Amino acid sequence: MNAATTTVPVIAIDGPSASGKGTIAERVAEALGFHYLDSGALYRLVALAALQVGVGLDDETALAALAEDLDVRFSGGEIVTSDQIVTDNIRSEVCGIGASQVAAFPAVRQALLARQRAFREAPGLVAEGRDMTTVVFPDATLKIFLTASAEIRAERRYKQLKEKGIDANIRTLLLELRERDERDSARSVAPLQKAADARELDSSGLGIEEIVRQVLDWYRQKVAGSQHL
């Protein structure tokens, strides 16, 4: 990151799977006119690419090579790679589980680090994932750890899948979420954890608009505070 880039404000949002990070980050970015980064989508894309070309999800070298060549952009709520919309493809549970597996490899994370930081452009960026506040943007203007109970998150994921016509079992989803939480928190490289200077926001009993309003309030307080320094 160069000096010009680091002056661009970043709102970094971390949290476990299905905590609502994507929806909140997109809404906040839209409200502020900022760019948006779904870092989890990058790992899902690596998993999808591996499944498509027959690369094993335990082959760190080959997975890192796929990550290096990743071509992705976020446009109008869609995720586009090689001029193809893959939004629904990468939202499958298979890609979600695969993403958690490939994200545990240091070489894959390193390959995607510069790519993630390149999304930091004026007027600002809202980035969400597992290590946005701790590794990718440690100097973020505002850091948030968005969480919710596993039961609430499983229920949200279940509703999302049913709305898309995808068959799902809520007990299976709950088990998978808990297993993924364990993998993400226990991995040796960039584990899921709350940054010391992040504000925790439990979304269990809150609506989307309430969460978005709270994030915007915190950001504006931060900006106002910095202007008085």
C-alpha atoms as a PDB file:
ATOM      1  CA  MET A   1       0.000   0.000   0.000  1.00  0.00           C
ATOM      2  CA  ASN A   2       1.329   3.431  -0.890  1.00  0.00           C
ATOM      3  CA  ALA A   3       0.800   6.644   1.041  1.00  0.00           C
ATOM      4  CA  ALA A   4      -1.925   7.877  -1.310  1.00  0.00           C
ATOM      5  CA  THR A   5      -3.853   4.647  -0.932  1.00  0.00           C
ATOM      6  CA  THR A   6      -3.695   4.561   2.862  1.00  0.00           C
ATOM      7  CA  THR A   7      -5.460   7.931   3.061  1.00  0.00           C
ATOM      8  CA  VAL A   8      -8.572   6.335   1.514  1.00  0.00           C
ATOM      9  CA  PRO A   9     -11.027   5.479   4.333  1.00  0.00           C
ATOM     10  CA  VAL A  10     -11.932   1.848   4.972  1.00  0.00           C
ATOM     11  CA  ILE A  11     -14.748   0.349   7.002  1.00  0.00           C
ATOM     12  CA  ALA A  12     -13.653  -3.212   7.770  1.00  0.00           C
ATOM     13  CA  ILE A  13     -16.225  -5.762   8.937  1.00  0.00           C
ATOM     14  CA  ASP A  14     -15.265  -9.209  10.200  1.00  0.00           C
ATOM     15  CA  GLY A  15     -17.391 -11.968  11.646  1.00  0.00           C
ATOM     16  CA  PRO A  16     -18.420 -15.608  11.381  1.00  0.00           C
ATOM     17  CA  SER A  17     -20.257 -17.167   8.449  1.00  0.00           C
ATOM     18  CA  ALA A  18     -23.881 -16.019   7.923  1.00  0.00           C
ATOM     19  CA  SER A  19     -23.628 -13.176  10.435  1.00  0.00           C
ATOM     20  CA  GLY A  20     -24.955 -10.769   7.798  1.00  0.00           C
ATOM     21  CA  LYS A  21     -21.644  -9.141   6.872  1.00  0.00           C
ATOM     22  CA  GLY A  22     -22.315  -9.105   3.136  1.00  0.00           C
ATOM     23  CA  THR A  23     -25.735  -7.515   3.313  1.00  0.00           C
ATOM     24  CA  ILE A  24     -24.608  -4.914   5.841  1.00  0.00           C
ATOM     25  CA  ALA A  25     -21.375  -4.072   4.008  1.00  0.00           C
ATOM     26  CA  GLU A  26     -23.206  -3.633   0.706  1.00  0.00           C
ATOM     27  CA  ARG A  27     -25.836  -1.357   2.273  1.00  0.00           C
ATOM     28  CA  VAL A  28     -23.230   0.745   4.060  1.00  0.00           C
ATOM     29  CA  ALA A  29     -21.150   1.057   0.888  1.00  0.00           C
ATOM     30  CA  GLU A  30     -24.223   2.124  -1.057  1.00  0.00           C
ATOM     31  CA  ALA A  31     -25.175   4.712   1.578  1.00  0.00           C
ATOM     32  CA  LEU A  32     -21.695   6.270   1.518  1.00  0.00           C
ATOM     33  CA  GLY A  33     -20.986   5.844  -2.198  1.00  0.00           C
ATOM     34  CA  PHE A  34     -17.997   3.626  -1.331  1.00  0.00           C
ATOM     35  CA  HIS A  35     -16.563   0.613  -3.137  1.00  0.00           C
ATOM     36  CA  TYR A  36     -17.384  -2.845  -1.749  1.00  0.00           C
ATOM     37  CA  LEU A  37     -15.232  -5.926  -1.196  1.00  0.00           C
ATOM     38  CA  ASP A  38     -16.633  -9.354  -0.366  1.00  0.00           C
ATOM     39  CA  SER A  39     -13.364 -11.088   0.488  1.00  0.00           C
ATOM     40  CA  GLY A  40     -15.133 -14.383   1.140  1.00  0.00           C
ATOM     41  CA  ALA A  41     -16.210 -14.408  -2.505  1.00  0.00           C
ATOM     42  CA  LEU A  42     -12.553 -14.535  -3.527  1.00  0.00           C
ATOM     43  CA  TYR A  43     -11.966 -17.717  -1.531  1.00  0.00           C
ATOM     44  CA  ARG A  44     -15.218 -19.190  -2.841  1.00  0.00           C
ATOM     45  CA  LEU A  45     -14.041 -18.398  -6.379  1.00  0.00           C
ATOM     46  CA  VAL A  46     -10.772 -20.225  -5.748  1.00  0.00           C
ATOM     47  CA  ALA A  47     -12.747 -23.228  -4.464  1.00  0.00           C
ATOM     48  CA  LEU A  48     -15.092 -23.074  -7.475  1.00  0.00           C
ATOM     49  CA  ALA A  49     -12.176 -22.846  -9.909  1.00  0.00           C
ATOM     50  CA  ALA A  50     -10.496 -25.816  -8.199  1.00  0.00           C
ATOM     51  CA  LEU A  51     -13.642 -27.916  -8.444  1.00  0.00           C
ATOM     52  CA  GLN A  52     -14.073 -26.997 -12.113  1.00  0.00           C
ATOM     53  CA  VAL A  53     -10.542 -27.903 -13.190  1.00  0.00           C
ATOM     54  CA  GLY A  54     -10.064 -30.861 -10.861  1.00  0.00           C
ATOM     55  CA  VAL A  55      -7.546 -29.350  -8.435  1.00  0.00           C
ATOM     56  CA  GLY A  56      -7.685 -30.937  -5.006  1.00  0.00           C
ATOM     57  CA  LEU A  57      -8.766 -28.712  -2.131  1.00  0.00           C
ATOM     58  CA  ASP A  58      -5.673 -29.949  -0.271  1.00  0.00           C
ATOM     59  CA  ASP A  59      -3.199 -28.936  -3.013  1.00  0.00           C
ATOM     60  CA  GLU A  60      -1.844 -25.656  -1.616  1.00  0.00           C
ATOM     61  CA  THR A  61       0.537 -24.914  -4.505  1.00  0.00           C
ATOM     62  CA  ALA A  62      -2.069 -25.435  -7.230  1.00  0.00           C
ATOM     63  CA  LEU A  63      -4.711 -23.504  -5.267  1.00  0.00           C
ATOM     64  CA  ALA A  64      -2.314 -20.564  -4.827  1.00  0.00           C
ATOM     65  CA  ALA A  65      -1.701 -20.550  -8.587  1.00  0.00           C
ATOM     66  CA  LEU A  66      -5.465 -20.363  -9.178  1.00  0.00           C
ATOM     67  CA  ALA A  67      -5.684 -17.491  -6.686  1.00  0.00           C
ATOM     68  CA  GLU A  68      -2.893 -15.612  -8.487  1.00  0.00           C
ATOM     69  CA  ASP A  69      -4.811 -15.734 -11.775  1.00  0.00           C
ATOM     70  CA  LEU A  70      -8.190 -14.836 -10.290  1.00  0.00           C
ATOM     71  CA  ASP A  71     -10.093 -12.257 -12.331  1.00  0.00           C
ATOM     72  CA  VAL A  72     -12.989 -10.786 -10.349  1.00  0.00           C
ATOM     73  CA  ARG A  73     -15.100  -7.668 -10.041  1.00  0.00           C
ATOM     74  CA  PHE A  74     -18.221  -6.717  -8.124  1.00  0.00           C
ATOM     75  CA  SER A  75     -20.817  -5.057 -10.315  1.00  0.00           C
ATOM     76  CA  GLY A  76     -24.423  -4.179  -9.544  1.00  0.00           C
ATOM     77  CA  GLY A  77     -24.730  -6.738  -6.792  1.00  0.00           C
ATOM     78  CA  GLU A  78     -23.238  -9.464  -8.985  1.00  0.00           C
ATOM     79  CA  ILE A  79     -19.872 -11.219  -8.819  1.00  0.00           C
ATOM     80  CA  VAL A  80     -18.243 -11.429 -12.238  1.00  0.00           C
ATOM     81  CA  THR A  81     -15.206 -13.472 -13.239  1.00  0.00           C
ATOM     82  CA  SER A  82     -13.895 -13.867 -16.792  1.00  0.00           C
ATOM     83  CA  ASP A  83     -17.003 -11.970 -17.941  1.00  0.00           C
ATOM     84  CA  GLN A  84     -19.314 -14.582 -16.421  1.00  0.00           C
ATOM     85  CA  ILE A  85     -21.733 -13.955 -13.537  1.00  0.00           C
ATOM     86  CA  VAL A  86     -21.019 -16.554 -10.846  1.00  0.00           C
ATOM     87  CA  THR A  87     -22.932 -15.059  -7.911  1.00  0.00           C
ATOM     88  CA  ASP A  88     -25.238 -18.042  -7.408  1.00  0.00           C
ATOM     89  CA  ASN A  89     -22.565 -20.643  -8.241  1.00  0.00           C
ATOM     90  CA  ILE A  90     -20.275 -19.599  -5.411  1.00  0.00           C
ATOM     91  CA  ARG A  91     -23.088 -19.325  -2.862  1.00  0.00           C
ATOM     92  CA  SER A  92     -23.556 -23.094  -2.788  1.00  0.00           C
ATOM     93  CA  GLU A  93     -22.721 -24.878   0.456  1.00  0.00           C
ATOM     94  CA  VAL A  94     -20.068 -26.897  -1.425  1.00  0.00           C
ATOM     95  CA  CYS A  95     -18.230 -23.684  -2.340  1.00  0.00           C
ATOM     96  CA  GLY A  96     -18.698 -22.325   1.171  1.00  0.00           C
ATOM     97  CA  ILE A  97     -17.120 -25.376   2.750  1.00  0.00           C
ATOM     98  CA  GLY A  98     -14.418 -25.402   0.075  1.00  0.00           C
ATOM     99  CA  ALA A  99     -13.657 -21.730   0.741  1.00  0.00           C
ATOM    100  CA  SER A 100     -13.069 -22.451   4.419  1.00  0.00           C
ATOM    101  CA  GLN A 101     -10.652 -25.234   3.446  1.00  0.00           C
ATOM    102  CA  VAL A 102      -8.601 -23.253   0.914  1.00  0.00           C
ATOM    103  CA  ALA A 103      -8.518 -20.184   3.190  1.00  0.00           C
ATOM    104  CA  ALA A 104      -6.464 -22.156   5.696  1.00  0.00           C
ATOM    105  CA  PHE A 105      -3.465 -22.265   3.325  1.00  0.00           C
ATOM    106  CA  PRO A 106      -0.861 -19.471   3.806  1.00  0.00           C
ATOM    107  CA  ALA A 107       0.088 -19.447   0.105  1.00  0.00           C
ATOM    108  CA  VAL A 108      -3.538 -18.880  -0.954  1.00  0.00           C
ATOM    109  CA  ARG A 109      -4.019 -16.073   1.549  1.00  0.00           C
ATOM    110  CA  GLN A 110      -0.778 -14.419   0.446  1.00  0.00           C
ATOM    111  CA  ALA A 111      -1.786 -14.682  -3.216  1.00  0.00           C
ATOM    112  CA  LEU A 112      -5.053 -12.884  -2.498  1.00  0.00           C
ATOM    113  CA  LEU A 113      -3.699 -10.235  -0.107  1.00  0.00           C
ATOM    114  CA  ALA A 114      -2.562  -7.673  -2.709  1.00  0.00           C
ATOM    115  CA  ARG A 115      -5.691  -8.331  -4.763  1.00  0.00           C
ATOM    116  CA  GLN A 116      -7.881  -7.467  -1.777  1.00  0.00           C
ATOM    117  CA  ARG A 117      -5.936  -4.328  -0.933  1.00  0.00           C
ATOM    118  CA  ALA A 118      -6.254  -3.152  -4.547  1.00  0.00           C
ATOM    119  CA  PHE A 119      -9.980  -2.607  -3.923  1.00  0.00           C
ATOM    120  CA  ARG A 120      -9.020   0.341  -1.698  1.00  0.00           C
ATOM    121  CA  GLU A 121      -9.846   3.252  -3.967  1.00  0.00           C
ATOM    122  CA  ALA A 122     -11.356   6.708  -3.476  1.00  0.00           C
ATOM    123  CA  PRO A 123     -13.778   7.755  -2.159  1.00  0.00           C
ATOM    124  CA  GLY A 124     -13.628   4.771   0.225  1.00  0.00           C
ATOM    125  CA  LEU A 125     -14.105   1.048   0.739  1.00  0.00           C
ATOM    126  CA  VAL A 126     -16.317  -1.202   2.830  1.00  0.00           C
ATOM    127  CA  ALA A 127     -14.612  -4.601   3.141  1.00  0.00           C
ATOM    128  CA  GLU A 128     -16.014  -7.676   4.826  1.00  0.00           C
ATOM    129  CA  GLY A 129     -14.581 -11.083   5.654  1.00  0.00           C
ATOM    130  CA  ARG A 130     -12.685 -12.937   8.361  1.00  0.00           C
ATOM    131  CA  ASP A 131      -9.408 -10.996   8.609  1.00  0.00           C
ATOM    132  CA  MET A 132     -10.220  -7.556   7.187  1.00  0.00           C
ATOM    133  CA  THR A 133      -9.635  -5.813  10.525  1.00  0.00           C
ATOM    134  CA  THR A 134      -6.638  -7.871  11.643  1.00  0.00           C
ATOM    135  CA  VAL A 135      -4.584  -8.563   8.488  1.00  0.00           C
ATOM    136  CA  VAL A 136      -5.799  -6.943   5.275  1.00  0.00           C
ATOM    137  CA  PHE A 137      -6.703  -3.453   6.546  1.00  0.00           C
ATOM    138  CA  PRO A 138      -5.189  -3.126  10.039  1.00  0.00           C
ATOM    139  CA  ASP A 139      -5.325   0.676   9.615  1.00  0.00           C
ATOM    140  CA  ALA A 140      -9.062   0.741   8.776  1.00  0.00           C
ATOM    141  CA  THR A 141     -10.936   3.885   9.800  1.00  0.00           C
ATOM    142  CA  LEU A 142     -13.612   1.792  11.512  1.00  0.00           C
ATOM    143  CA  LYS A 143     -13.367  -1.862  12.522  1.00  0.00           C
ATOM    144  CA  ILE A 144     -16.444  -3.941  13.308  1.00  0.00           C
ATOM    145  CA  PHE A 145     -16.865  -7.517  14.481  1.00  0.00           C
ATOM    146  CA  LEU A 146     -20.382  -8.530  13.438  1.00  0.00           C
ATOM    147  CA  THR A 147     -21.714 -11.624  15.113  1.00  0.00           C
ATOM    148  CA  ALA A 148     -24.913 -13.547  15.922  1.00  0.00           C
ATOM    149  CA  SER A 149     -25.756 -16.836  17.596  1.00  0.00           C
ATOM    150  CA  ALA A 150     -25.150 -20.001  15.560  1.00  0.00           C
ATOM    151  CA  GLU A 151     -28.878 -20.778  15.691  1.00  0.00           C
ATOM    152  CA  ILE A 152     -29.830 -17.387  14.262  1.00  0.00           C
ATOM    153  CA  ARG A 153     -27.193 -17.666  11.559  1.00  0.00           C
ATOM    154  CA  ALA A 154     -28.360 -21.153  10.568  1.00  0.00           C
ATOM    155  CA  GLU A 155     -31.933 -19.880  10.352  1.00  0.00           C
ATOM    156  CA  ARG A 156     -30.858 -16.990   8.119  1.00  0.00           C
ATOM    157  CA  ARG A 157     -28.889 -19.291   5.821  1.00  0.00           C
ATOM    158  CA  TYR A 158     -31.841 -21.695   5.656  1.00  0.00           C
ATOM    159  CA  LYS A 159     -34.198 -18.896   4.584  1.00  0.00           C
ATOM    160  CA  GLN A 160     -31.725 -17.663   1.959  1.00  0.00           C
ATOM    161  CA  LEU A 161     -31.426 -21.106   0.414  1.00  0.00           C
ATOM    162  CA  LYS A 162     -35.175 -21.774   0.469  1.00  0.00           C
ATOM    163  CA  GLU A 163     -35.838 -18.424  -1.229  1.00  0.00           C
ATOM    164  CA  LYS A 164     -33.514 -19.533  -4.033  1.00  0.00           C
ATOM    165  CA  GLY A 165     -35.330 -22.832  -4.353  1.00  0.00           C
ATOM    166  CA  ILE A 166     -32.438 -24.789  -2.858  1.00  0.00           C
ATOM    167  CA  ASP A 167     -33.351 -27.672  -0.586  1.00  0.00           C
ATOM    168  CA  ALA A 168     -31.786 -27.422   2.863  1.00  0.00           C
ATOM    169  CA  ASN A 169     -31.920 -28.957   6.318  1.00  0.00           C
ATOM    170  CA  ILE A 170     -31.596 -26.496   9.184  1.00  0.00           C
ATOM    171  CA  ARG A 171     -29.965 -29.028  11.528  1.00  0.00           C
ATOM    172  CA  THR A 172     -27.343 -29.849   8.916  1.00  0.00           C
ATOM    173  CA  LEU A 173     -26.741 -26.136   8.304  1.00  0.00           C
ATOM    174  CA  LEU A 174     -26.291 -25.529  12.033  1.00  0.00           C
ATOM    175  CA  LEU A 175     -23.760 -28.354  12.272  1.00  0.00           C
ATOM    176  CA  GLU A 176     -21.855 -27.078   9.220  1.00  0.00           C
ATOM    177  CA  LEU A 177     -21.801 -23.525  10.605  1.00  0.00           C
ATOM    178  CA  ARG A 178     -20.385 -24.697  13.920  1.00  0.00           C
ATOM    179  CA  GLU A 179     -17.752 -26.794  12.157  1.00  0.00           C
ATOM    180  CA  ARG A 180     -16.822 -23.853   9.946  1.00  0.00           C
ATOM    181  CA  ASP A 181     -16.608 -21.525  12.959  1.00  0.00           C
ATOM    182  CA  GLU A 182     -14.202 -24.004  14.536  1.00  0.00           C
ATOM    183  CA  ARG A 183     -12.051 -24.242  11.392  1.00  0.00           C
ATOM    184  CA  ASP A 184     -11.981 -20.476  10.869  1.00  0.00           C
ATOM    185  CA  SER A 185     -11.122 -19.727  14.502  1.00  0.00           C
ATOM    186  CA  ALA A 186      -8.573 -22.519  14.937  1.00  0.00           C
ATOM    187  CA  ARG A 187      -6.548 -22.137  11.730  1.00  0.00           C
ATOM    188  CA  SER A 188      -2.932 -21.115  12.235  1.00  0.00           C
ATOM    189  CA  VAL A 189      -2.957 -18.360   9.584  1.00  0.00           C
ATOM    190  CA  ALA A 190      -5.191 -15.282  10.001  1.00  0.00           C
ATOM    191  CA  PRO A 191      -7.765 -16.963  12.251  1.00  0.00           C
ATOM    192  CA  LEU A 192     -11.188 -15.434  12.754  1.00  0.00           C
ATOM    193  CA  GLN A 193     -10.877 -13.201  15.802  1.00  0.00           C
ATOM    194  CA  LYS A 194     -12.049  -9.839  17.036  1.00  0.00           C
ATOM    195  CA  ALA A 195      -9.411  -7.135  16.614  1.00  0.00           C
ATOM    196  CA  ALA A 196      -8.504  -5.383  19.855  1.00  0.00           C
ATOM    197  CA  ASP A 197      -9.760  -2.053  18.492  1.00  0.00           C
ATOM    198  CA  ALA A 198     -12.888  -3.404  16.754  1.00  0.00           C
ATOM    199  CA  ARG A 199     -16.414  -2.633  17.908  1.00  0.00           C
ATOM    200  CA  GLU A 200     -18.514  -5.753  18.440  1.00  0.00           C
ATOM    201  CA  LEU A 201     -22.059  -5.714  17.092  1.00  0.00           C
ATOM    202  CA  ASP A 202     -24.402  -8.623  17.865  1.00  0.00           C
ATOM    203  CA  SER A 203     -27.005  -8.746  15.105  1.00  0.00           C
ATOM    204  CA  SER A 204     -29.109 -11.553  16.639  1.00  0.00           C
ATOM    205  CA  GLY A 205     -32.070  -9.372  17.575  1.00  0.00           C
ATOM    206  CA  LEU A 206     -31.577  -6.524  15.114  1.00  0.00           C
ATOM    207  CA  GLY A 207     -33.024  -5.761  11.704  1.00  0.00           C
ATOM    208  CA  ILE A 208     -30.874  -4.897   8.706  1.00  0.00           C
ATOM    209  CA  GLU A 209     -31.723  -1.187   8.791  1.00  0.00           C
ATOM    210  CA  GLU A 210     -30.876  -0.965  12.501  1.00  0.00           C
ATOM    211  CA  ILE A 211     -27.459  -2.544  11.938  1.00  0.00           C
ATOM    212  CA  VAL A 212     -26.700  -0.347   8.927  1.00  0.00           C
ATOM    213  CA  ARG A 213     -27.712   2.768  10.867  1.00  0.00           C
ATOM    214  CA  GLN A 214     -25.433   1.780  13.774  1.00  0.00           C
ATOM    215  CA  VAL A 215     -22.445   1.226  11.472  1.00  0.00           C
ATOM    216  CA  LEU A 216     -23.015   4.557   9.724  1.00  0.00           C
ATOM    217  CA  ASP A 217     -23.340   6.323  13.085  1.00  0.00           C
ATOM    218  CA  TRP A 218     -20.060   4.833  14.305  1.00  0.00           C
ATOM    219  CA  TYR A 219     -18.299   5.785  11.071  1.00  0.00           C
ATOM    220  CA  ARG A 220     -19.543   9.368  11.159  1.00  0.00           C
ATOM    221  CA  GLN A 221     -18.480   9.658  14.792  1.00  0.00           C
ATOM    222  CA  LYS A 222     -15.011   8.434  13.814  1.00  0.00           C
ATOM    223  CA  VAL A 223     -14.749  10.926  10.954  1.00  0.00           C
ATOM    224  CA  ALA A 224     -16.012  13.782  13.103  1.00  0.00           C
ATOM    225  CA  GLY A 225     -13.539  12.858  15.847  1.00  0.00           C
ATOM    226  CA  SER A 226     -10.578  12.755  13.467  1.00  0.00           C
ATOM    227  CA  GLN A 227     -11.469  16.186  12.055  1.00  0.00           C
ATOM    228  CA  HIS A 228     -11.161  17.683  15.535  1.00  0.00           C
ATOM    229  CA  LEU A 229      -7.680  16.290  16.147  1.00  0.00           C
END
